[in-house]
Amino acid sequence: MSAIVVAPQLRQALEGTVAALKRVADTELDSDVVQRMHRLGERKEFLDAGEKQEYDWLVNFWMNRTLEKAEAAVALQRLREAVPDLVTSL
């Protein structure tokens, strides 16, 4: 694929997009959240209703964040291929 020449106004918009995508791609869940999810998961057959609901919410949140991170990484890679000088240090 050949590189795309980008107009200055579009370049500015894309730079903001790249910054947002990098933040999403690089963000990690807080270690306390991950530890809580693991603790609940280790004893999930013994959880009360509130803990089960919390565990389900945490797992769903983790799955959604993982998907968002993957989508952001793919989008960054595609932008890098299209406009190599726009997306650095991948």
C-alpha atoms as a PDB file:
ATOM      1  CA  MET A   1       0.000   0.000   0.000  1.00  0.00           C
ATOM      2  CA  SER A   2       1.376   3.445  -0.871  1.00  0.00           C
ATOM      3  CA  ALA A   3       1.480   6.269   1.663  1.00  0.00           C
ATOM      4  CA  ILE A   4      -1.287   8.866   1.571  1.00  0.00           C
ATOM      5  CA  VAL A   5      -0.509  12.577   1.378  1.00  0.00           C
ATOM      6  CA  VAL A   6      -2.604  14.255   4.068  1.00  0.00           C
ATOM      7  CA  ALA A   7      -3.846  17.847   4.028  1.00  0.00           C
ATOM      8  CA  PRO A   8      -2.801  19.899   7.107  1.00  0.00           C
ATOM      9  CA  GLN A   9      -6.313  20.115   8.599  1.00  0.00           C
ATOM     10  CA  LEU A  10      -6.874  16.373   8.193  1.00  0.00           C
ATOM     11  CA  ARG A  11      -3.388  15.694   9.607  1.00  0.00           C
ATOM     12  CA  GLN A  12      -4.310  17.641  12.753  1.00  0.00           C
ATOM     13  CA  ALA A  13      -7.497  15.627  13.170  1.00  0.00           C
ATOM     14  CA  LEU A  14      -5.626  12.367  12.597  1.00  0.00           C
ATOM     15  CA  GLU A  15      -2.937  13.317  15.140  1.00  0.00           C
ATOM     16  CA  GLY A  16      -5.637  13.681  17.790  1.00  0.00           C
ATOM     17  CA  THR A  17      -7.119  10.374  16.732  1.00  0.00           C
ATOM     18  CA  VAL A  18      -3.721   8.665  16.942  1.00  0.00           C
ATOM     19  CA  ALA A  19      -3.147  10.070  20.440  1.00  0.00           C
ATOM     20  CA  ALA A  20      -6.551   8.790  21.612  1.00  0.00           C
ATOM     21  CA  LEU A  21      -5.991   5.375  20.033  1.00  0.00           C
ATOM     22  CA  LYS A  22      -2.556   5.095  21.661  1.00  0.00           C
ATOM     23  CA  ARG A  23      -4.066   5.870  25.074  1.00  0.00           C
ATOM     24  CA  VAL A  24      -6.671   3.146  24.614  1.00  0.00           C
ATOM     25  CA  ALA A  25      -4.145   0.640  23.244  1.00  0.00           C
ATOM     26  CA  ASP A  26      -1.663   1.308  26.065  1.00  0.00           C
ATOM     27  CA  THR A  27      -4.080   1.476  28.994  1.00  0.00           C
ATOM     28  CA  GLU A  28      -3.934  -1.339  31.522  1.00  0.00           C
ATOM     29  CA  LEU A  29      -6.583  -2.138  34.087  1.00  0.00           C
ATOM     30  CA  ASP A  30      -5.741  -1.002  37.591  1.00  0.00           C
ATOM     31  CA  SER A  31      -3.958  -3.790  39.445  1.00  0.00           C
ATOM     32  CA  ASP A  32      -6.483  -3.615  42.310  1.00  0.00           C
ATOM     33  CA  VAL A  33      -9.318  -4.278  39.842  1.00  0.00           C
ATOM     34  CA  VAL A  34      -7.448  -7.210  38.287  1.00  0.00           C
ATOM     35  CA  GLN A  35      -6.638  -8.665  41.716  1.00  0.00           C
ATOM     36  CA  ARG A  36     -10.265  -8.334  42.823  1.00  0.00           C
ATOM     37  CA  MET A  37     -11.461 -10.085  39.666  1.00  0.00           C
ATOM     38  CA  HIS A  38      -8.959 -12.898  40.220  1.00  0.00           C
ATOM     39  CA  ARG A  39      -9.886 -13.301  43.895  1.00  0.00           C
ATOM     40  CA  LEU A  40     -13.572 -13.517  43.029  1.00  0.00           C
ATOM     41  CA  GLY A  41     -12.837 -15.894  40.153  1.00  0.00           C
ATOM     42  CA  GLU A  42     -10.869 -18.242  42.381  1.00  0.00           C
ATOM     43  CA  ARG A  43     -13.941 -18.827  44.521  1.00  0.00           C
ATOM     44  CA  LYS A  44     -16.719 -18.127  42.044  1.00  0.00           C
ATOM     45  CA  GLU A  45     -18.709 -21.219  43.018  1.00  0.00           C
ATOM     46  CA  PHE A  46     -18.996 -19.833  46.570  1.00  0.00           C
ATOM     47  CA  LEU A  47     -19.926 -16.212  45.773  1.00  0.00           C
ATOM     48  CA  ASP A  48     -23.063 -14.637  47.148  1.00  0.00           C
ATOM     49  CA  ALA A  49     -25.418 -12.864  44.731  1.00  0.00           C
ATOM     50  CA  GLY A  50     -23.727  -9.469  45.124  1.00  0.00           C
ATOM     51  CA  GLU A  51     -20.248 -10.892  44.615  1.00  0.00           C
ATOM     52  CA  LYS A  52     -21.425 -12.877  41.595  1.00  0.00           C
ATOM     53  CA  GLN A  53     -22.890  -9.733  40.072  1.00  0.00           C
ATOM     54  CA  GLU A  54     -19.641  -7.855  40.778  1.00  0.00           C
ATOM     55  CA  TYR A  55     -17.575 -10.677  39.260  1.00  0.00           C
ATOM     56  CA  ASP A  56     -19.764 -10.824  36.149  1.00  0.00           C
ATOM     57  CA  TRP A  57     -19.481  -7.038  35.765  1.00  0.00           C
ATOM     58  CA  LEU A  58     -15.681  -7.141  36.163  1.00  0.00           C
ATOM     59  CA  VAL A  59     -15.292  -9.960  33.634  1.00  0.00           C
ATOM     60  CA  ASN A  60     -17.554  -8.162  31.152  1.00  0.00           C
ATOM     61  CA  PHE A  61     -15.632  -4.913  31.682  1.00  0.00           C
ATOM     62  CA  TRP A  62     -12.290  -6.709  31.220  1.00  0.00           C
ATOM     63  CA  MET A  63     -13.508  -8.395  28.021  1.00  0.00           C
ATOM     64  CA  ASN A  64     -14.764  -5.083  26.606  1.00  0.00           C
ATOM     65  CA  ARG A  65     -11.487  -3.314  27.470  1.00  0.00           C
ATOM     66  CA  THR A  66      -9.487  -6.118  25.871  1.00  0.00           C
ATOM     67  CA  LEU A  67     -11.542  -5.806  22.687  1.00  0.00           C
ATOM     68  CA  GLU A  68     -11.162  -2.007  22.694  1.00  0.00           C
ATOM     69  CA  LYS A  69      -7.389  -2.342  23.109  1.00  0.00           C
ATOM     70  CA  ALA A  70      -7.178  -4.795  20.218  1.00  0.00           C
ATOM     71  CA  GLU A  71      -9.339  -2.602  17.980  1.00  0.00           C
ATOM     72  CA  ALA A  72      -7.221   0.447  18.817  1.00  0.00           C
ATOM     73  CA  ALA A  73      -4.014  -1.449  18.037  1.00  0.00           C
ATOM     74  CA  VAL A  74      -5.396  -2.581  14.663  1.00  0.00           C
ATOM     75  CA  ALA A  75      -6.560   0.956  13.834  1.00  0.00           C
ATOM     76  CA  LEU A  76      -3.118   2.337  14.728  1.00  0.00           C
ATOM     77  CA  GLN A  77      -1.441  -0.248  12.550  1.00  0.00           C
ATOM     78  CA  ARG A  78      -3.692   0.628   9.612  1.00  0.00           C
ATOM     79  CA  LEU A  79      -2.998   4.326  10.076  1.00  0.00           C
ATOM     80  CA  ARG A  80       0.714   3.591  10.281  1.00  0.00           C
ATOM     81  CA  GLU A  81       0.565   1.730   6.995  1.00  0.00           C
ATOM     82  CA  ALA A  82      -1.419   4.517   5.320  1.00  0.00           C
ATOM     83  CA  VAL A  83       0.440   7.502   6.824  1.00  0.00           C
ATOM     84  CA  PRO A  84       3.779   6.188   8.161  1.00  0.00           C
ATOM     85  CA  ASP A  85       5.094   9.512   9.452  1.00  0.00           C
ATOM     86  CA  LEU A  86       1.895  10.108  11.444  1.00  0.00           C
ATOM     87  CA  VAL A  87       2.113   7.052  13.678  1.00  0.00           C
ATOM     88  CA  THR A  88       5.511   6.545  15.286  1.00  0.00           C
ATOM     89  CA  SER A  89       6.913   4.118  17.829  1.00  0.00           C
ATOM     90  CA  LEU A  90       4.554   1.173  17.346  1.00  0.00           C
END
